[in-house]
Amino acid sequence: MAVAQSPVYDEVLEFLLSTPTPEQIANFRPSEGTQERIRLLLELNRNNKLTAEQQAELDEFSQVEHFVRLLKARAHQKLLKS
């Protein structure tokens, strides 16, 4: 399996390597640049104007978002127990 090198993966990996607390994980938000890129891709998708490369990028964002949601859910569970 290849190691992901996309900006969205890099952003999340760098955040995780900073050893965040459960509270920091629960409050994690992608950078404004990443959020803007996602908004653009979603708009292109709504208008059926995505290229194959952009579709792959949007799919990657979805995968990372799913992982981050799971991570946040686990962090919230941990915070409730403490």
N, C-alpha and C. Protein backbone atom coordinates (compact mmCIF):
# COMPACT_ATOMS: atom_id res chain seq x y z
N MET A 1 0.84 -1.18 0.00
CA MET A 1 0.00 0.00 0.00
C MET A 1 0.89 1.24 0.00
N ALA A 2 0.58 2.17 -0.87
CA ALA A 2 1.36 3.41 -0.98
C ALA A 2 1.03 4.33 0.19
N VAL A 3 2.02 5.13 0.57
CA VAL A 3 1.82 6.10 1.63
C VAL A 3 1.19 7.35 1.02
N ALA A 4 0.11 7.81 1.62
CA ALA A 4 -0.58 9.00 1.11
C ALA A 4 0.30 10.23 1.28
N GLN A 5 0.36 11.06 0.26
CA GLN A 5 1.18 12.26 0.31
C GLN A 5 0.38 13.51 -0.03
N SER A 6 -0.92 13.42 -0.01
CA SER A 6 -1.74 14.57 -0.37
C SER A 6 -1.74 15.61 0.75
N PRO A 7 -2.04 16.85 0.42
CA PRO A 7 -2.08 17.91 1.44
C PRO A 7 -3.05 17.62 2.59
N VAL A 8 -4.21 17.04 2.29
CA VAL A 8 -5.17 16.78 3.36
C VAL A 8 -4.63 15.71 4.32
N TYR A 9 -4.02 14.67 3.79
CA TYR A 9 -3.42 13.67 4.66
C TYR A 9 -2.28 14.28 5.46
N ASP A 10 -1.45 15.08 4.79
CA ASP A 10 -0.33 15.72 5.49
C ASP A 10 -0.81 16.59 6.64
N GLU A 11 -1.90 17.32 6.39
CA GLU A 11 -2.44 18.21 7.43
C GLU A 11 -2.88 17.41 8.66
N VAL A 12 -3.60 16.33 8.43
CA VAL A 12 -4.08 15.50 9.54
C VAL A 12 -2.91 14.79 10.23
N LEU A 13 -1.99 14.27 9.44
CA LEU A 13 -0.83 13.58 10.03
C LEU A 13 0.00 14.53 10.89
N GLU A 14 0.23 15.74 10.41
CA GLU A 14 0.99 16.71 11.20
C GLU A 14 0.27 17.04 12.50
N PHE A 15 -1.03 17.17 12.43
CA PHE A 15 -1.82 17.42 13.63
C PHE A 15 -1.67 16.27 14.62
N LEU A 16 -1.79 15.04 14.14
CA LEU A 16 -1.68 13.87 15.02
C LEU A 16 -0.28 13.72 15.59
N LEU A 17 0.72 14.08 14.81
CA LEU A 17 2.10 14.00 15.30
C LEU A 17 2.41 15.04 16.37
N SER A 18 1.54 16.04 16.50
CA SER A 18 1.74 17.05 17.54
C SER A 18 1.25 16.55 18.90
N THR A 19 0.84 15.27 18.95
CA THR A 19 0.31 14.62 20.15
C THR A 19 -0.79 15.46 20.82
N PRO A 20 -1.88 15.69 20.08
CA PRO A 20 -2.96 16.50 20.63
C PRO A 20 -3.67 15.80 21.78
N THR A 21 -4.26 16.61 22.63
CA THR A 21 -5.09 16.08 23.72
C THR A 21 -6.44 15.67 23.14
N PRO A 22 -7.22 14.88 23.87
CA PRO A 22 -8.57 14.56 23.38
C PRO A 22 -9.40 15.82 23.09
N GLU A 23 -9.25 16.84 23.90
CA GLU A 23 -9.98 18.09 23.67
C GLU A 23 -9.54 18.75 22.35
N GLN A 24 -8.25 18.76 22.08
CA GLN A 24 -7.76 19.33 20.82
C GLN A 24 -8.25 18.52 19.63
N ILE A 25 -8.32 17.21 19.78
CA ILE A 25 -8.84 16.37 18.70
C ILE A 25 -10.31 16.68 18.46
N ALA A 26 -11.07 16.79 19.54
CA ALA A 26 -12.50 17.08 19.42
C ALA A 26 -12.74 18.42 18.73
N ASN A 27 -11.82 19.35 18.89
CA ASN A 27 -11.97 20.69 18.33
C ASN A 27 -11.23 20.88 17.00
N PHE A 28 -10.61 19.84 16.48
CA PHE A 28 -9.82 19.95 15.24
C PHE A 28 -10.69 20.41 14.07
N ARG A 29 -10.15 21.34 13.32
CA ARG A 29 -10.77 21.82 12.08
C ARG A 29 -9.69 21.89 11.02
N PRO A 30 -10.03 21.54 9.79
CA PRO A 30 -9.03 21.69 8.73
C PRO A 30 -8.69 23.17 8.52
N SER A 31 -7.56 23.41 7.92
CA SER A 31 -7.15 24.79 7.67
C SER A 31 -8.15 25.47 6.75
N GLU A 32 -8.13 26.78 6.76
CA GLU A 32 -9.04 27.55 5.89
C GLU A 32 -8.79 27.20 4.42
N GLY A 33 -7.54 27.02 4.05
CA GLY A 33 -7.22 26.65 2.67
C GLY A 33 -7.84 25.32 2.27
N THR A 34 -7.77 24.36 3.17
CA THR A 34 -8.38 23.04 2.91
C THR A 34 -9.89 23.16 2.84
N GLN A 35 -10.48 23.92 3.74
CA GLN A 35 -11.93 24.10 3.72
C GLN A 35 -12.38 24.77 2.42
N GLU A 36 -11.63 25.74 1.97
CA GLU A 36 -11.96 26.42 0.72
C GLU A 36 -11.87 25.46 -0.47
N ARG A 37 -10.84 24.62 -0.47
CA ARG A 37 -10.69 23.64 -1.55
C ARG A 37 -11.86 22.66 -1.56
N ILE A 38 -12.27 22.21 -0.40
CA ILE A 38 -13.41 21.29 -0.30
C ILE A 38 -14.67 21.97 -0.83
N ARG A 39 -14.88 23.23 -0.44
CA ARG A 39 -16.06 23.97 -0.92
C ARG A 39 -16.06 24.05 -2.45
N LEU A 40 -14.89 24.33 -3.03
CA LEU A 40 -14.78 24.41 -4.48
C LEU A 40 -15.12 23.08 -5.14
N LEU A 41 -14.53 22.01 -4.62
CA LEU A 41 -14.78 20.69 -5.20
C LEU A 41 -16.24 20.29 -5.07
N LEU A 42 -16.85 20.60 -3.94
CA LEU A 42 -18.27 20.29 -3.75
C LEU A 42 -19.14 21.07 -4.73
N GLU A 43 -18.79 22.33 -4.95
CA GLU A 43 -19.53 23.14 -5.91
C GLU A 43 -19.39 22.58 -7.33
N LEU A 44 -18.18 22.23 -7.70
CA LEU A 44 -17.96 21.61 -9.03
C LEU A 44 -18.74 20.31 -9.15
N ASN A 45 -18.77 19.54 -8.07
CA ASN A 45 -19.50 18.28 -8.07
C ASN A 45 -21.00 18.52 -8.26
N ARG A 46 -21.54 19.51 -7.56
CA ARG A 46 -22.97 19.83 -7.69
C ARG A 46 -23.32 20.19 -9.13
N ASN A 47 -22.38 20.81 -9.83
CA ASN A 47 -22.60 21.25 -11.20
C ASN A 47 -22.10 20.24 -12.24
N ASN A 48 -21.74 19.05 -11.76
CA ASN A 48 -21.24 17.98 -12.64
C ASN A 48 -20.06 18.44 -13.51
N LYS A 49 -19.12 19.17 -12.90
CA LYS A 49 -17.98 19.70 -13.63
C LYS A 49 -16.64 19.21 -13.09
N LEU A 50 -16.64 18.16 -12.30
CA LEU A 50 -15.39 17.63 -11.75
C LEU A 50 -14.62 16.87 -12.82
N THR A 51 -13.32 17.07 -12.84
CA THR A 51 -12.46 16.22 -13.66
C THR A 51 -12.23 14.93 -12.89
N ALA A 52 -11.65 13.94 -13.54
CA ALA A 52 -11.36 12.67 -12.86
C ALA A 52 -10.40 12.91 -11.69
N GLU A 53 -9.43 13.78 -11.89
CA GLU A 53 -8.46 14.09 -10.82
C GLU A 53 -9.14 14.78 -9.65
N GLN A 54 -10.05 15.70 -9.93
CA GLN A 54 -10.78 16.39 -8.87
C GLN A 54 -11.71 15.43 -8.14
N GLN A 55 -12.31 14.49 -8.87
CA GLN A 55 -13.17 13.49 -8.23
C GLN A 55 -12.35 12.64 -7.27
N ALA A 56 -11.15 12.25 -7.68
CA ALA A 56 -10.27 11.47 -6.81
C ALA A 56 -9.90 12.27 -5.57
N GLU A 57 -9.66 13.56 -5.74
CA GLU A 57 -9.33 14.42 -4.60
C GLU A 57 -10.52 14.54 -3.65
N LEU A 58 -11.71 14.70 -4.19
CA LEU A 58 -12.91 14.78 -3.36
C LEU A 58 -13.14 13.47 -2.61
N ASP A 59 -12.92 12.36 -3.29
CA ASP A 59 -13.04 11.05 -2.64
C ASP A 59 -12.04 10.93 -1.48
N GLU A 60 -10.84 11.43 -1.70
CA GLU A 60 -9.82 11.39 -0.65
C GLU A 60 -10.24 12.24 0.55
N PHE A 61 -10.78 13.42 0.28
CA PHE A 61 -11.28 14.26 1.37
C PHE A 61 -12.35 13.51 2.16
N SER A 62 -13.22 12.80 1.46
CA SER A 62 -14.28 12.03 2.14
C SER A 62 -13.69 10.96 3.04
N GLN A 63 -12.67 10.28 2.57
CA GLN A 63 -12.03 9.23 3.38
C GLN A 63 -11.39 9.83 4.62
N VAL A 64 -10.70 10.93 4.45
CA VAL A 64 -10.05 11.58 5.60
C VAL A 64 -11.10 12.11 6.57
N GLU A 65 -12.18 12.69 6.03
CA GLU A 65 -13.24 13.20 6.90
C GLU A 65 -13.84 12.07 7.74
N HIS A 66 -14.05 10.93 7.13
CA HIS A 66 -14.60 9.78 7.86
C HIS A 66 -13.65 9.39 9.01
N PHE A 67 -12.37 9.30 8.73
CA PHE A 67 -11.39 8.96 9.74
C PHE A 67 -11.40 9.99 10.88
N VAL A 68 -11.43 11.27 10.52
CA VAL A 68 -11.41 12.33 11.54
C VAL A 68 -12.69 12.29 12.38
N ARG A 69 -13.82 11.98 11.77
CA ARG A 69 -15.06 11.86 12.54
C ARG A 69 -14.96 10.73 13.57
N LEU A 70 -14.39 9.60 13.15
CA LEU A 70 -14.20 8.50 14.08
C LEU A 70 -13.26 8.90 15.21
N LEU A 71 -12.20 9.59 14.86
CA LEU A 71 -11.23 10.06 15.84
C LEU A 71 -11.89 11.02 16.84
N LYS A 72 -12.69 11.94 16.33
CA LYS A 72 -13.39 12.89 17.20
C LYS A 72 -14.39 12.18 18.11
N ALA A 73 -15.10 11.21 17.59
CA ALA A 73 -16.06 10.46 18.41
C ALA A 73 -15.34 9.77 19.55
N ARG A 74 -14.20 9.17 19.26
CA ARG A 74 -13.42 8.50 20.30
C ARG A 74 -12.90 9.52 21.32
N ALA A 75 -12.49 10.68 20.85
CA ALA A 75 -12.01 11.72 21.77
C ALA A 75 -13.14 12.20 22.67
N HIS A 76 -14.34 12.37 22.11
CA HIS A 76 -15.48 12.78 22.92
C HIS A 76 -15.80 11.73 24.00
N GLN A 77 -15.73 10.45 23.62
CA GLN A 77 -15.97 9.38 24.59
C GLN A 77 -14.96 9.49 25.74
N LYS A 78 -13.72 9.70 25.38
CA LYS A 78 -12.65 9.80 26.38
C LYS A 78 -12.90 11.00 27.31
N LEU A 79 -13.33 12.12 26.73
CA LEU A 79 -13.58 13.32 27.53
C LEU A 79 -14.75 13.09 28.49
N LEU A 80 -15.76 12.35 28.06
CA LEU A 80 -16.91 12.09 28.93
C LEU A 80 -16.54 11.21 30.12
N LYS A 81 -15.55 10.35 29.93
CA LYS A 81 -15.12 9.44 31.00
C LYS A 81 -14.21 10.14 32.01
N SER A 82 -13.63 11.26 31.62
CA SER A 82 -12.69 11.92 32.56
C SER A 82 -13.34 12.97 33.40
